[in-house]
C-alpha atoms as a PDB file:
ATOM      1  CA  MET A   1      16.249  16.468  11.870  1.00  0.00           C
ATOM      2  CA  PHE A   2      16.527  14.963   8.404  1.00  0.00           C
ATOM      3  CA  ASP A   3      16.848  11.413  10.408  1.00  0.00           C
ATOM      4  CA  ILE A   4      13.318  12.077  11.424  1.00  0.00           C
ATOM      5  CA  ILE A   5      12.100  12.562   7.879  1.00  0.00           C
ATOM      6  CA  ILE A   6      14.008   9.861   6.754  1.00  0.00           C
ATOM      7  CA  TRP A   7      12.604   7.582   9.478  1.00  0.00           C
ATOM      8  CA  ALA A   8       8.852   8.813   9.047  1.00  0.00           C
ATOM      9  CA  GLY A   9       9.398   8.063   4.952  1.00  0.00           C
ATOM     10  CA  ALA A  10      10.190   4.472   6.129  1.00  0.00           C
ATOM     11  CA  VAL A  11       7.320   4.199   8.087  1.00  0.00           C
ATOM     12  CA  LEU A  12       5.247   5.258   5.353  1.00  0.00           C
ATOM     13  CA  VAL A  13       6.652   3.001   3.194  1.00  0.00           C
ATOM     14  CA  LEU A  14       6.365  -0.021   5.253  1.00  0.00           C
ATOM     15  CA  ALA A  15       2.679   0.951   5.833  1.00  0.00           C
ATOM     16  CA  GLY A  16       1.998   1.281   2.252  1.00  0.00           C
ATOM     17  CA  ILE A  17       3.656  -2.448   1.492  1.00  0.00           C
ATOM     18  CA  ALA A  18       1.438  -3.650   4.479  1.00  0.00           C
ATOM     19  CA  GLY A  19      -1.248  -2.289   2.562  1.00  0.00           C
ATOM     20  CA  LEU A  20      -0.284  -3.956  -0.564  1.00  0.00           C
ATOM     21  CA  ILE A  21       0.280  -7.201   0.724  1.00  0.00           C
ATOM     22  CA  TRP A  22      -3.231  -7.039   2.871  1.00  0.00           C
ATOM     23  CA  CYS A  23      -4.885  -6.181  -0.647  1.00  0.00           C
ATOM     24  CA  VAL A  24      -3.073  -9.100  -2.219  1.00  0.00           C
ATOM     25  CA  LEU A  25      -4.144 -11.476   0.639  1.00  0.00           C
ATOM     26  CA  LYS A  26      -7.798 -10.434   0.149  1.00  0.00           C
ATOM     27  CA  VAL A  27      -7.883 -10.884  -3.660  1.00  0.00           C
ATOM     28  CA  ILE A  28      -6.203 -14.260  -3.253  1.00  0.00           C
ATOM     29  CA  ARG A  29      -8.751 -15.677  -0.338  1.00  0.00           C
ATOM     30  CA  ALA A  30     -11.695 -14.241  -2.658  1.00  0.00           C
ATOM     31  CA  ARG A  31     -10.184 -16.479  -5.565  1.00  0.00           C
ATOM     32  CA  ARG A  32      -9.878 -19.435  -3.356  1.00  0.00           C
ATOM     33  CA  ALA A  33     -13.436 -19.046  -2.167  1.00  0.00           C
ATOM     34  CA  ARG A  34     -14.655 -19.529  -5.880  1.00  0.00           C
ATOM     35  CA  LEU A  35     -16.944 -16.660  -5.814  1.00  0.00           C
ATOM     36  CA  ASP A  36     -18.875 -16.369  -8.805  1.00  0.00           C
ATOM     37  CA  ASP A  37     -18.221 -13.127 -11.067  1.00  0.00           C
ATOM     38  CA  ASP A  38     -20.277 -10.460  -9.812  1.00  0.00           C
ATOM     39  CA  ALA A  39     -19.407 -11.442  -6.187  1.00  0.00           C
ATOM     40  CA  LEU A  40     -15.615 -11.534  -7.377  1.00  0.00           C
ATOM     41  CA  ARG A  41     -16.282  -8.182  -8.983  1.00  0.00           C
ATOM     42  CA  VAL A  42     -17.716  -6.622  -5.686  1.00  0.00           C
ATOM     43  CA  VAL A  43     -14.703  -7.573  -3.971  1.00  0.00           C
ATOM     44  CA  LEU A  44     -12.133  -6.465  -6.384  1.00  0.00           C
ATOM     45  CA  GLN A  45     -14.022  -2.895  -6.350  1.00  0.00           C
ATOM     46  CA  SER A  46     -13.833  -2.756  -3.072  1.00  0.00           C
ATOM     47  CA  VAL A  47      -9.923  -3.492  -3.038  1.00  0.00           C
ATOM     48  CA  VAL A  48      -8.882  -1.092  -5.974  1.00  0.00           C
ATOM     49  CA  PRO A  49      -9.374   1.828  -3.555  1.00  0.00           C
ATOM     50  CA  LEU A  50      -7.491   0.548  -0.738  1.00  0.00           C
ATOM     51  CA  ASN A  51      -4.828  -0.783  -3.225  1.00  0.00           C
ATOM     52  CA  LEU A  52      -4.223   2.983  -4.632  1.00  0.00           C
ATOM     53  CA  ALA A  53      -4.016   4.408  -1.409  1.00  0.00           C
ATOM     54  CA  ALA A  54      -1.369   2.006  -0.160  1.00  0.00           C
ATOM     55  CA  LEU A  55       0.551   2.805  -3.550  1.00  0.00           C
ATOM     56  CA  LEU A  56       0.176   6.887  -2.427  1.00  0.00           C
ATOM     57  CA  VAL A  57       1.306   5.880   0.829  1.00  0.00           C
ATOM     58  CA  SER A  58       4.392   4.323  -0.223  1.00  0.00           C
ATOM     59  CA  ALA A  59       5.220   6.837  -2.821  1.00  0.00           C
ATOM     60  CA  LEU A  60       4.896   9.608  -0.472  1.00  0.00           C
ATOM     61  CA  GLY A  61       7.055   7.426   1.970  1.00  0.00           C
ATOM     62  CA  LEU A  62       9.682   7.081  -0.702  1.00  0.00           C
ATOM     63  CA  MET A  63       9.671  10.759  -1.554  1.00  0.00           C
ATOM     64  CA  LEU A  64      10.479  11.563   2.369  1.00  0.00           C
ATOM     65  CA  VAL A  65      13.460   9.394   2.121  1.00  0.00           C
ATOM     66  CA  ALA A  66      14.703  10.631  -0.982  1.00  0.00           C
ATOM     67  CA  VAL A  67      14.368  14.220   0.384  1.00  0.00           C
ATOM     68  CA  GLY A  68      15.681  13.406   3.520  1.00  0.00           C
ATOM     69  CA  VAL A  69      18.736  11.866   2.159  1.00  0.00           C
ATOM     70  CA  ILE A  70      19.289  14.517  -0.373  1.00  0.00           C
ATOM     71  CA  LEU A  71      19.170  17.454   2.186  1.00  0.00           C
ATOM     72  CA  GLY A  72      20.914  15.406   4.880  1.00  0.00           C
END
């Protein structure tokens, strides 16, 4: 039973890392496009909530892995 919790946590961690990588790539593309300050600010403001959500998902996944390992 605890194996399911560990694997679910691992999937969440990987999803969170994928989200973080996507955020980084989006910002790099925006910087390479040489946008002006206002346009770059709009891109960054759209990335911040997604970045925080990816961090939350990753942290929840790590918590699930830790709980699964401790209880298992």
